N, C-alpha and C. Protein backbone atom coordinates (compact mmCIF):
# COMPACT_ATOMS: atom_id res chain seq x y z
N MET A 1 54.34 25.39 224.12
CA MET A 1 53.43 26.03 224.81
C MET A 1 53.48 27.88 225.04
N SER A 2 52.94 28.67 224.42
CA SER A 2 52.82 29.80 225.32
C SER A 2 51.12 30.50 225.04
N PHE A 3 51.14 31.80 225.45
CA PHE A 3 50.11 32.15 225.64
C PHE A 3 50.49 33.93 225.61
N GLN A 4 49.79 34.71 224.90
CA GLN A 4 49.76 35.83 226.08
C GLN A 4 48.43 36.58 226.14
N VAL A 5 48.80 37.71 226.79
CA VAL A 5 47.91 38.48 227.35
C VAL A 5 47.87 40.17 227.10
N TRP A 6 46.91 40.88 226.44
CA TRP A 6 47.48 41.93 226.08
C TRP A 6 46.73 42.84 227.29
N MET A 7 47.17 43.88 227.73
CA MET A 7 46.45 44.77 229.24
C MET A 7 46.98 45.95 228.41
N LYS A 8 45.95 46.87 228.64
CA LYS A 8 45.96 48.47 228.86
C LYS A 8 45.77 49.41 230.31
N THR A 9 46.65 49.74 230.27
CA THR A 9 47.16 50.70 231.38
C THR A 9 47.95 51.93 231.43
N HIS A 10 48.10 52.63 232.31
CA HIS A 10 48.92 54.17 232.27
C HIS A 10 50.41 53.93 232.80
N ALA A 11 50.49 52.45 233.73
CA ALA A 11 51.74 52.34 234.60
C ALA A 11 52.97 52.09 233.72
N SER A 12 53.87 51.88 234.62
CA SER A 12 55.25 52.16 234.06
C SER A 12 55.19 50.66 233.93
N LEU A 13 56.29 50.19 233.27
CA LEU A 13 56.37 48.76 233.08
C LEU A 13 56.97 47.93 234.27
N PHE A 14 57.99 48.82 234.94
CA PHE A 14 58.43 48.61 236.69
C PHE A 14 57.48 48.27 237.13
N GLN A 15 56.15 48.91 237.25
CA GLN A 15 55.28 49.27 238.21
C GLN A 15 54.02 48.06 237.80
N LEU A 16 53.61 47.77 236.79
CA LEU A 16 52.96 46.65 236.16
C LEU A 16 53.62 45.78 236.60
N THR A 17 54.91 45.56 235.98
CA THR A 17 55.88 44.15 236.49
C THR A 17 55.42 43.54 237.97
N SER A 18 55.98 45.14 238.95
CA SER A 18 55.67 44.75 240.44
C SER A 18 54.29 44.57 241.07
N GLU A 19 53.34 44.98 240.25
CA GLU A 19 52.02 44.43 240.91
C GLU A 19 51.66 42.66 240.53
N ILE A 20 52.22 42.16 239.38
CA ILE A 20 51.67 41.25 238.34
C ILE A 20 52.64 40.45 239.45
N GLN A 21 53.87 40.56 239.86
CA GLN A 21 54.72 39.70 240.90
C GLN A 21 54.07 39.61 242.31
N GLN A 22 53.72 40.64 242.92
CA GLN A 22 52.88 40.51 243.98
C GLN A 22 51.47 39.74 244.03
N LEU A 23 50.53 40.13 242.72
CA LEU A 23 49.68 39.23 242.63
C LEU A 23 49.30 37.41 242.72
N LEU A 24 50.56 37.36 241.58
CA LEU A 24 51.10 36.24 241.62
C LEU A 24 52.42 35.44 242.45
N SER A 25 52.37 36.01 243.47
CA SER A 25 53.44 35.59 244.32
C SER A 25 54.36 35.14 243.51
N LEU A 26 55.03 35.63 242.47
CA LEU A 26 56.29 35.67 241.46
C LEU A 26 57.82 35.66 242.14
N PRO A 27 58.35 34.63 241.72
CA PRO A 27 59.94 35.21 242.16
C PRO A 27 60.59 36.73 241.74
N SER A 28 61.48 37.04 242.11
CA SER A 28 62.44 37.87 241.54
C SER A 28 62.35 38.10 240.58
N PHE A 29 62.32 39.27 239.36
CA PHE A 29 62.50 39.01 237.97
C PHE A 29 63.58 39.77 237.88
N THR A 30 64.02 39.76 236.53
CA THR A 30 65.22 40.04 235.67
C THR A 30 64.57 41.12 234.74
N GLN A 31 65.37 42.63 234.99
CA GLN A 31 65.07 43.17 233.70
C GLN A 31 66.26 42.95 232.49
N GLU A 32 65.75 43.10 231.59
CA GLU A 32 66.66 42.76 230.14
C GLU A 32 66.16 44.22 229.21
N ALA A 33 67.14 43.66 228.02
CA ALA A 33 66.71 44.85 226.52
C ALA A 33 66.84 44.32 226.15
N SER A 34 65.38 43.50 224.81
CA SER A 34 65.95 43.20 223.55
C SER A 34 65.65 44.40 222.73
N GLU A 35 66.85 44.07 221.72
CA GLU A 35 66.54 45.44 220.37
C GLU A 35 65.86 46.68 220.86
N GLY A 36 66.84 46.95 221.74
CA GLY A 36 66.72 48.09 223.02
C GLY A 36 65.35 48.56 223.61
N GLU A 37 63.95 47.73 223.65
CA GLU A 37 62.98 47.49 224.26
C GLU A 37 63.22 46.53 225.38
N PRO A 38 63.26 47.71 226.86
CA PRO A 38 63.20 46.80 227.67
C PRO A 38 61.68 45.69 228.31
N TYR A 39 61.94 44.90 228.91
CA TYR A 39 60.98 43.58 229.66
C TYR A 39 61.77 43.20 230.83
N CYS A 40 60.79 42.36 231.42
CA CYS A 40 60.60 41.99 232.68
C CYS A 40 60.45 40.64 232.20
N GLN A 41 61.42 39.92 233.24
CA GLN A 41 61.07 38.47 233.29
C GLN A 41 61.19 37.59 234.17
N PHE A 42 60.26 36.22 234.41
CA PHE A 42 60.22 35.98 235.70
C PHE A 42 60.38 33.95 235.24
N GLU A 43 61.55 33.62 236.08
CA GLU A 43 61.25 32.42 235.30
C GLU A 43 60.98 31.18 236.67
N MET A 44 60.64 30.10 236.80
CA MET A 44 59.51 29.21 237.73
C MET A 44 58.93 27.56 236.93
N PHE A 45 59.66 26.84 237.63
CA PHE A 45 58.96 25.70 237.27
C PHE A 45 58.78 25.12 236.04
N GLY A 46 59.73 25.69 234.88
CA GLY A 46 59.47 25.15 233.96
C GLY A 46 58.90 26.29 232.61
N MET A 47 58.70 27.31 233.69
CA MET A 47 57.77 28.15 232.62
C MET A 47 58.82 29.44 232.79
N GLN A 48 58.55 30.34 231.75
CA GLN A 48 59.03 31.91 231.63
C GLN A 48 57.85 32.82 231.39
N VAL A 49 57.65 33.64 232.19
CA VAL A 49 56.76 34.86 232.17
C VAL A 49 57.31 36.36 231.64
N PHE A 50 57.42 36.78 230.43
CA PHE A 50 57.84 38.14 229.64
C PHE A 50 56.68 38.95 230.50
N ILE A 51 57.31 40.09 230.65
CA ILE A 51 55.81 41.58 230.27
C ILE A 51 57.08 41.99 229.45
N HIS A 52 55.92 42.80 228.75
CA HIS A 52 56.91 43.70 227.94
C HIS A 52 56.03 44.63 227.14
N ARG A 53 56.56 45.81 226.78
CA ARG A 53 55.84 46.79 225.94
C ARG A 53 56.04 45.99 224.71
N THR A 54 55.00 46.39 223.99
CA THR A 54 54.97 46.36 222.35
C THR A 54 54.68 47.40 221.75
N ASP A 55 55.18 47.54 220.40
CA ASP A 55 55.41 48.53 219.36
C ASP A 55 53.83 48.75 218.59
N GLU A 56 53.50 49.44 218.64
CA GLU A 56 52.30 49.62 218.06
C GLU A 56 52.17 49.14 216.39
N GLU A 57 53.22 49.25 215.43
CA GLU A 57 53.26 48.09 214.43
C GLU A 57 53.31 46.81 214.77
N GLU A 58 53.58 46.13 215.93
CA GLU A 58 53.78 44.96 216.12
C GLU A 58 52.43 44.23 216.39
N ARG A 59 51.86 45.15 217.14
CA ARG A 59 50.15 44.97 217.86
C ARG A 59 49.42 44.49 216.24
N ASP A 60 48.62 43.47 217.02
CA ASP A 60 47.45 43.24 215.49
C ASP A 60 46.15 44.35 215.89
N PRO A 61 45.20 44.87 214.53
CA PRO A 61 44.27 45.63 215.06
C PRO A 61 43.66 46.17 216.32
N GLU A 62 42.89 44.48 216.31
CA GLU A 62 42.34 44.72 217.36
C GLU A 62 42.69 44.87 218.98
N VAL A 63 43.96 44.93 219.26
CA VAL A 63 44.58 44.70 220.62
C VAL A 63 45.44 46.77 220.61
N GLY A 64 45.34 47.20 219.40
CA GLY A 64 45.60 48.38 218.78
C GLY A 64 46.27 48.88 220.27
N ASP A 65 45.33 49.53 221.25
CA ASP A 65 45.63 50.50 222.02
C ASP A 65 46.22 49.71 223.58
N PHE A 66 46.79 48.72 223.43
CA PHE A 66 47.12 47.53 224.40
C PHE A 66 48.72 47.87 224.24
N PRO A 67 49.13 48.64 225.36
CA PRO A 67 50.70 48.94 224.90
C PRO A 67 51.40 47.50 225.55
N TYR A 68 50.70 46.61 226.81
CA TYR A 68 51.66 45.86 227.54
C TYR A 68 51.31 44.67 226.99
N ARG A 69 52.19 43.41 227.47
CA ARG A 69 51.98 41.90 226.83
C ARG A 69 52.20 41.02 227.69
N LEU A 70 51.68 40.09 228.17
CA LEU A 70 51.87 39.45 229.37
C LEU A 70 52.10 37.99 228.38
N ASP A 71 53.60 37.31 228.23
CA ASP A 71 53.54 36.14 227.25
C ASP A 71 54.03 34.93 228.50
N LEU A 72 53.68 33.78 228.28
CA LEU A 72 53.45 32.63 229.11
C LEU A 72 54.14 31.53 227.99
N GLN A 73 55.29 31.25 228.73
CA GLN A 73 55.81 29.65 227.30
C GLN A 73 56.25 28.89 228.76
N MET A 74 55.62 27.53 228.21
CA MET A 74 56.21 26.58 229.23
C MET A 74 56.86 26.01 228.42
N ALA A 75 58.60 25.38 229.14
CA ALA A 75 59.32 24.44 228.54
C ALA A 75 59.50 23.26 228.87
N PHE A 76 58.09 22.63 228.87
CA PHE A 76 57.96 21.03 229.00
C PHE A 76 58.41 20.28 227.79
N THR A 77 59.52 19.41 227.81
CA THR A 77 60.09 19.07 227.23
C THR A 77 59.49 17.38 226.67
N GLU A 78 59.59 16.73 227.33
CA GLU A 78 59.27 15.56 227.63
C GLU A 78 57.90 15.25 228.64
N HIS A 79 56.75 15.20 228.05
CA HIS A 79 55.22 15.07 228.67
C HIS A 79 54.43 14.56 227.62
N THR A 80 53.39 13.86 228.27
CA THR A 80 51.88 13.54 227.61
C THR A 80 50.87 14.84 227.80
N LEU A 81 50.97 15.91 228.56
CA LEU A 81 49.99 16.69 228.53
C LEU A 81 49.49 17.23 227.57
N ASP A 82 48.11 17.81 227.23
CA ASP A 82 47.54 18.31 226.01
C ASP A 82 47.86 19.85 226.47
N THR A 83 48.88 20.57 225.51
CA THR A 83 48.99 21.55 226.21
C THR A 83 48.60 22.54 225.54
N ASP A 84 47.53 22.02 224.61
CA ASP A 84 46.58 23.15 223.72
C ASP A 84 45.52 23.60 224.81
N THR A 85 45.16 22.23 225.35
CA THR A 85 44.06 22.59 226.48
C THR A 85 44.21 23.29 227.10
N LEU A 86 45.56 22.82 228.06
CA LEU A 86 46.07 23.76 228.97
C LEU A 86 46.01 25.29 229.22
N GLU A 87 46.64 25.43 227.55
CA GLU A 87 46.64 26.92 226.90
C GLU A 87 45.63 28.07 226.79
N TYR A 88 44.46 26.85 226.47
CA TYR A 88 43.15 27.62 226.08
C TYR A 88 42.36 27.55 227.29
N ASP A 89 42.87 27.20 228.33
CA ASP A 89 42.10 27.50 230.08
C ASP A 89 42.79 28.65 230.49
N LEU A 90 44.28 28.35 230.32
CA LEU A 90 44.71 29.30 231.23
C LEU A 90 44.26 30.93 230.35
N GLN A 91 44.88 30.72 229.48
CA GLN A 91 45.31 32.79 228.63
C GLN A 91 43.47 33.58 229.44
N PRO A 92 42.26 32.47 228.94
CA PRO A 92 41.37 33.43 229.66
C PRO A 92 41.33 33.68 231.25
N TYR A 93 41.48 32.75 232.07
CA TYR A 93 41.63 32.78 233.24
C TYR A 93 42.76 33.63 234.01
N TYR A 94 43.87 34.20 233.25
CA TYR A 94 44.91 34.94 233.53
C TYR A 94 44.26 36.74 233.27
N ALA A 95 43.69 36.82 231.79
CA ALA A 95 42.88 37.89 231.55
C ALA A 95 42.24 38.40 232.20
N GLN A 96 41.31 37.63 232.81
CA GLN A 96 40.10 37.70 234.00
C GLN A 96 40.45 38.28 235.49
N LEU A 97 42.17 37.88 235.62
CA LEU A 97 42.52 37.71 236.77
C LEU A 97 43.34 39.30 236.89
N LEU A 98 44.20 39.55 235.81
CA LEU A 98 44.36 40.40 236.07
C LEU A 98 43.84 41.62 236.20
N ALA A 99 42.54 41.36 234.68
CA ALA A 99 41.89 42.51 234.62
C ALA A 99 41.08 43.07 236.06
N PHE A 100 40.36 41.84 236.69
CA PHE A 100 39.73 42.47 238.13
C PHE A 100 40.78 42.91 239.58
N HIS A 101 42.14 42.43 239.53
CA HIS A 101 42.60 42.48 240.42
C HIS A 101 43.46 43.62 240.44
N LEU A 102 44.20 44.13 238.68
CA LEU A 102 44.90 45.33 238.74
C LEU A 102 44.02 46.31 238.31
N ASP A 103 42.85 46.00 238.14
CA ASP A 103 41.88 47.44 237.45
C ASP A 103 42.06 47.35 236.06
N ILE A 104 42.78 46.63 235.61
CA ILE A 104 43.30 47.27 233.87
C ILE A 104 42.32 46.36 232.61
N ASP A 105 41.97 46.56 231.50
CA ASP A 105 41.79 46.14 230.86
C ASP A 105 42.62 45.38 229.96
N THR A 106 42.14 44.07 229.87
CA THR A 106 42.98 43.03 229.22
C THR A 106 42.42 42.25 227.74
N ALA A 107 42.84 41.75 227.05
CA ALA A 107 42.52 41.19 225.92
C ALA A 107 43.33 40.00 225.60
N TYR A 108 42.57 38.85 225.00
CA TYR A 108 43.07 37.25 224.79
C TYR A 108 42.37 36.99 223.71
N HIS A 109 43.35 36.38 222.55
CA HIS A 109 43.00 35.82 221.67
C HIS A 109 42.62 34.17 221.54
N GLU A 110 41.89 33.99 220.75
CA GLU A 110 41.03 32.12 220.65
C GLU A 110 41.61 32.35 219.07
N LYS A 111 42.12 30.69 218.97
CA LYS A 111 42.17 30.44 217.68
C LYS A 111 41.90 29.09 216.95
N HIS A 112 41.64 29.02 216.06
CA HIS A 112 41.29 27.43 215.42
C HIS A 112 42.00 27.56 213.75
N LYS A 113 42.11 26.00 213.69
CA LYS A 113 42.59 26.12 212.06
C LYS A 113 41.87 25.60 210.96
N VAL A 114 41.08 26.41 209.94
CA VAL A 114 40.14 26.28 209.62
C VAL A 114 41.21 26.15 207.55
N GLY A 115 41.27 24.46 207.42
CA GLY A 115 42.47 24.35 206.62
C GLY A 115 43.63 24.66 206.79
N PRO A 116 44.44 25.26 205.52
CA PRO A 116 46.23 25.63 205.61
C PRO A 116 46.04 26.54 206.66
N HIS A 117 45.25 27.76 206.95
CA HIS A 117 45.20 28.76 207.50
C HIS A 117 44.85 28.56 209.15
N TRP A 118 45.29 29.64 209.99
CA TRP A 118 44.57 29.52 211.35
C TRP A 118 44.06 30.90 211.29
N GLN A 119 42.60 30.82 211.95
CA GLN A 119 41.62 32.44 212.08
C GLN A 119 41.65 32.48 213.89
N ILE A 120 41.78 33.74 213.98
CA ILE A 120 41.68 34.25 215.48
C ILE A 120 40.68 35.53 215.87
N HIS A 121 40.06 35.33 216.65
CA HIS A 121 39.65 36.69 217.41
C HIS A 121 39.78 36.86 218.77
N TYR A 122 39.47 38.05 219.15
CA TYR A 122 39.69 38.50 220.35
C TYR A 122 38.58 38.77 221.40
N ARG A 123 38.88 38.94 222.90
CA ARG A 123 38.03 38.75 223.97
C ARG A 123 38.79 39.81 224.59
N TYR A 124 37.78 40.79 225.09
CA TYR A 124 38.45 41.92 226.04
C TYR A 124 37.60 41.79 227.50
N CYS A 125 38.38 41.77 228.50
CA CYS A 125 37.80 41.85 229.98
C CYS A 125 38.53 42.89 230.74
N HIS A 126 37.55 43.59 231.55
CA HIS A 126 37.30 44.34 232.50
C HIS A 126 36.64 44.69 233.83
N LYS A 127 36.89 45.01 234.97
CA LYS A 127 36.28 45.27 236.11
C LYS A 127 34.97 45.54 236.30
N ASN A 128 33.85 45.13 236.15
CA ASN A 128 32.34 45.47 236.67
C ASN A 128 32.98 46.45 237.38
N PRO A 129 32.24 47.77 237.36
CA PRO A 129 32.20 48.94 238.17
C PRO A 129 30.60 48.95 238.81
N ARG A 130 30.30 47.90 238.62
CA ARG A 130 28.80 47.98 239.37
C ARG A 130 28.85 46.73 240.59
N TRP A 131 30.26 45.90 240.14
CA TRP A 131 30.01 44.49 241.10
C TRP A 131 30.02 44.95 242.88
N THR A 132 29.28 44.14 243.29
CA THR A 132 30.29 44.43 244.96
C THR A 132 30.19 42.62 245.59
N GLY A 133 30.84 42.43 246.44
CA GLY A 133 31.04 41.54 246.58
C GLY A 133 30.57 41.27 247.74
N SER A 134 29.51 42.13 247.93
CA SER A 134 28.20 41.25 249.35
C SER A 134 27.25 40.91 248.77
N LEU A 135 27.14 40.69 247.32
CA LEU A 135 26.02 39.84 246.93
C LEU A 135 26.65 38.58 246.29
N LEU A 136 25.50 37.50 246.75
CA LEU A 136 26.37 36.17 246.22
C LEU A 136 25.89 35.79 244.35
N PHE A 137 25.91 34.59 244.77
CA PHE A 137 25.68 34.62 242.92
C PHE A 137 24.43 34.13 243.29
N GLY A 138 23.09 34.57 242.36
CA GLY A 138 21.65 34.29 242.72
C GLY A 138 20.64 35.31 243.33
N GLU A 139 21.46 35.83 243.89
CA GLU A 139 20.98 37.08 244.33
C GLU A 139 20.42 38.28 243.90
N THR A 140 19.47 38.79 244.16
CA THR A 140 19.41 40.03 243.28
C THR A 140 19.96 41.41 243.24
N GLY A 141 20.11 41.53 242.17
CA GLY A 141 21.36 42.62 242.07
C GLY A 141 22.34 42.33 241.57
N TRP A 142 22.87 40.94 242.14
CA TRP A 142 24.09 40.19 241.58
C TRP A 142 24.42 40.51 239.98
N GLU A 143 25.91 41.19 240.32
CA GLU A 143 26.68 41.25 238.53
C GLU A 143 27.95 40.45 238.36
N PRO A 144 28.07 40.02 237.76
CA PRO A 144 29.68 39.48 237.29
C PRO A 144 30.50 40.43 238.24
N ALA A 145 31.72 39.96 238.55
CA ALA A 145 32.68 41.11 238.68
C ALA A 145 33.60 41.31 237.49
N ILE A 146 33.58 40.36 236.60
CA ILE A 146 34.44 40.75 234.99
C ILE A 146 33.29 40.88 234.14
N ILE A 147 33.67 41.71 233.29
CA ILE A 147 32.67 41.87 232.02
C ILE A 147 33.62 41.33 230.76
N VAL A 148 33.70 40.23 230.25
CA VAL A 148 34.01 39.71 229.09
C VAL A 148 32.87 39.71 227.80
N THR A 149 33.73 40.63 226.90
CA THR A 149 33.00 40.94 225.89
C THR A 149 32.55 40.20 224.99
N PRO A 150 31.59 39.95 223.98
CA PRO A 150 31.78 38.94 222.56
C PRO A 150 32.89 39.30 221.92
N PRO A 151 32.73 38.13 221.36
CA PRO A 151 33.96 38.17 220.56
C PRO A 151 34.48 38.92 219.56
N THR A 152 35.20 39.48 218.72
CA THR A 152 35.32 40.26 217.17
C THR A 152 35.19 39.20 216.81
N PRO A 153 35.14 39.81 215.68
CA PRO A 153 34.90 38.53 214.06
C PRO A 153 36.28 38.01 213.84
N TRP A 154 35.78 36.63 213.04
CA TRP A 154 37.28 35.89 212.88
C TRP A 154 37.75 36.45 211.95
N ARG A 155 38.97 36.62 211.97
CA ARG A 155 39.89 36.96 211.23
C ARG A 155 41.12 35.99 210.69
N THR A 156 41.41 35.77 209.29
CA THR A 156 42.25 34.93 209.07
C THR A 156 43.73 35.11 209.11
N VAL A 157 44.38 34.55 209.64
CA VAL A 157 46.16 34.97 209.53
C VAL A 157 46.92 33.97 208.76
N ARG A 158 47.17 34.48 207.54
CA ARG A 158 47.65 33.63 206.65
C ARG A 158 49.27 34.05 207.32
N PRO A 159 50.29 32.85 206.95
CA PRO A 159 51.85 32.67 207.56
C PRO A 159 52.75 33.59 206.15
N MET A 160 53.29 34.46 206.63
CA MET A 160 54.56 34.84 206.41
C MET A 160 54.85 34.67 204.90
N PRO A 161 55.43 34.87 203.74
CA PRO A 161 56.20 34.06 202.35
C PRO A 161 57.27 34.18 203.08
């Protein structure tokens, strides 16, 4: 099981990784390079977290201006967990958490299978500049802390031949 959260920021890879490490109380990370591109990796509790810059050609059109990606991979080999549900619940949570605490734009995709193909669409998250923590839900003037856009149109993803 794995999921991705795309991030738009002007911070460096090291700065972004350090902020995520502090926010999520992650252990020390290692810096590696794969095919010349550096990435940072955390390992804990059977999970691997990768933070890396993605080439523009590798990004879907919907996230073309989101240079960084957080990949979370879970390596549970013997379990009865419904990891699809876990993935779909965690992905928007982390996208909203990072958008709020780091004040960056994030994106994540939702997918479903239609016949032999998959369809995906994206949602974008950003911190609400008018949000105030002094107003409680239901009070006059309350606004959500994170704005999640309506999804992009569904797009069919065909497997590569």
